Amino acid sequence: MYDTTPAITEDVLLRALAHCAADASVRRVAVSALATGFGHLSIQDFLAVASRVFHDARFAALHDIVLCIEDEFTFRWACEIVQERGLHLQLEAEPSAGGNAAAPRASA
């Protein structure tokens, strides 16, 4: 176990996506809900970070940033959080991926 903060998680996510965006061949990136397990970051805090980071203009070249969510319960909970807080994330199930995924950007 470890502890982290929304600021640390945001920095890690920004650096990872910047690395991906720098490579013109990268069009789609899959991301897990970083630090929400062993890092003790709440899913609410992660979704707030994701809402800011995924819409950063520096990542406009990325066609999709897909947030993979571990199970249907957490996916439904994430949908409720996004709606309640008015976060700028588009959540949709992707059954072809074998589970649920939150697609913050359906297309760019």
Protein backbone atom coordinates (compact mmCIF):
# COMPACT_ATOMS: atom_id res chain seq x y z
CA MET A 1 0.00 0.00 0.00
CA TYR A 2 1.02 3.58 -0.57
CA ASP A 3 -0.60 6.97 -0.24
CA THR A 4 -0.84 9.55 -2.96
CA THR A 5 -2.66 12.78 -3.68
CA PRO A 6 -4.70 14.09 -6.58
CA ALA A 7 -1.81 16.44 -7.45
CA ILE A 8 0.71 13.60 -7.69
CA THR A 9 -1.70 11.48 -9.73
CA GLU A 10 -2.39 14.41 -12.06
CA ASP A 11 1.34 14.96 -12.59
CA VAL A 12 1.91 11.28 -13.42
CA LEU A 13 -1.02 11.24 -15.83
CA LEU A 14 0.09 14.48 -17.52
CA ARG A 15 3.62 13.16 -18.02
CA ALA A 16 2.41 9.80 -19.37
CA LEU A 17 -0.02 11.36 -21.83
CA ALA A 18 2.58 13.92 -22.95
CA HIS A 19 4.89 11.04 -23.79
CA CYS A 20 2.13 9.37 -25.81
CA ALA A 21 1.09 12.58 -27.59
CA ALA A 22 4.71 13.20 -28.64
CA ASP A 23 4.58 10.05 -30.78
CA ALA A 24 2.48 10.75 -33.89
CA SER A 25 1.71 7.05 -34.31
CA VAL A 26 -0.15 6.91 -30.99
CA ARG A 27 -3.84 7.60 -31.56
CA ARG A 28 -5.47 5.77 -28.63
CA VAL A 29 -4.32 5.43 -25.05
CA ALA A 30 -5.81 3.18 -22.36
CA VAL A 31 -5.45 4.29 -18.76
CA SER A 32 -6.40 2.61 -15.52
CA ALA A 33 -7.89 4.57 -12.62
CA LEU A 34 -4.43 5.30 -11.23
CA ALA A 35 -3.91 5.17 -7.46
CA THR A 36 -7.52 4.20 -6.70
CA GLY A 37 -6.53 0.80 -5.38
CA PHE A 38 -3.33 0.57 -3.39
CA GLY A 39 -2.82 4.34 -3.54
CA HIS A 40 -5.91 5.15 -1.49
CA LEU A 41 -7.13 7.80 -3.96
CA SER A 42 -10.91 7.93 -4.20
CA ILE A 43 -12.57 7.29 -7.54
CA GLN A 44 -14.19 10.72 -7.14
CA ASP A 45 -10.78 12.39 -6.93
CA PHE A 46 -9.44 10.38 -9.85
CA LEU A 47 -12.40 11.26 -12.07
CA ALA A 48 -11.95 14.96 -11.25
CA VAL A 49 -8.27 14.68 -12.24
CA ALA A 50 -9.17 12.77 -15.42
CA SER A 51 -11.75 15.36 -16.40
CA ARG A 52 -9.07 18.09 -16.30
CA VAL A 53 -6.21 16.11 -17.80
CA PHE A 54 -8.03 14.32 -20.62
CA HIS A 55 -9.19 17.65 -22.06
CA ASP A 56 -5.80 19.32 -21.91
CA ALA A 57 -5.10 20.92 -25.33
CA ARG A 58 -1.64 19.30 -25.38
CA PHE A 59 -3.32 15.94 -25.98
CA ALA A 60 -5.57 16.98 -28.89
CA ALA A 61 -3.59 14.72 -31.24
CA LEU A 62 -4.75 11.67 -29.30
CA HIS A 63 -7.95 10.38 -30.88
CA ASP A 64 -9.14 8.53 -27.76
CA ILE A 65 -8.14 8.34 -24.13
CA VAL A 66 -9.93 5.35 -22.66
CA LEU A 67 -10.29 4.89 -18.94
CA CYS A 68 -10.54 1.19 -18.11
CA ILE A 69 -12.70 0.48 -15.09
CA GLU A 70 -12.35 -2.83 -13.31
CA ASP A 71 -15.96 -3.92 -12.82
CA GLU A 72 -19.57 -3.05 -13.57
CA PHE A 73 -20.29 -1.77 -10.05
CA THR A 74 -17.41 0.72 -10.19
CA PHE A 75 -18.35 1.69 -13.75
CA ARG A 76 -21.93 2.50 -12.71
CA TRP A 77 -20.67 4.40 -9.66
CA ALA A 78 -18.30 6.38 -11.91
CA CYS A 79 -21.23 7.25 -14.19
CA GLU A 80 -23.15 8.60 -11.19
CA ILE A 81 -20.17 10.65 -10.01
CA VAL A 82 -19.61 12.15 -13.46
CA GLN A 83 -23.25 13.15 -13.73
CA GLU A 84 -23.54 14.50 -10.16
CA ARG A 85 -20.37 16.59 -10.42
CA GLY A 86 -20.87 17.69 -14.01
CA LEU A 87 -17.48 16.33 -15.05
CA HIS A 88 -16.49 16.51 -18.70
CA LEU A 89 -16.17 12.79 -19.29
CA GLN A 90 -18.23 10.67 -21.64
CA LEU A 91 -18.74 7.26 -20.07
CA GLU A 92 -19.83 4.34 -22.18
CA ALA A 93 -19.57 0.58 -21.92
CA GLU A 94 -17.42 -1.13 -24.50
CA PRO A 95 -18.54 -4.77 -24.35
CA SER A 96 -16.19 -5.71 -27.19
CA ALA A 97 -13.29 -4.97 -24.86
CA GLY A 98 -14.47 -7.73 -22.53
CA GLY A 99 -15.52 -5.37 -19.78
CA ASN A 100 -16.49 -1.80 -19.08
CA ALA A 101 -14.56 1.22 -20.15
CA ALA A 102 -15.05 4.90 -19.79
CA ALA A 103 -14.27 6.75 -22.98
CA PRO A 104 -13.58 10.34 -21.99
CA ARG A 105 -13.25 11.34 -25.63
CA ALA A 106 -15.33 9.47 -28.15
CA SER A 107 -13.47 11.19 -30.96
CA ALA A 108 -11.27 14.18 -31.43
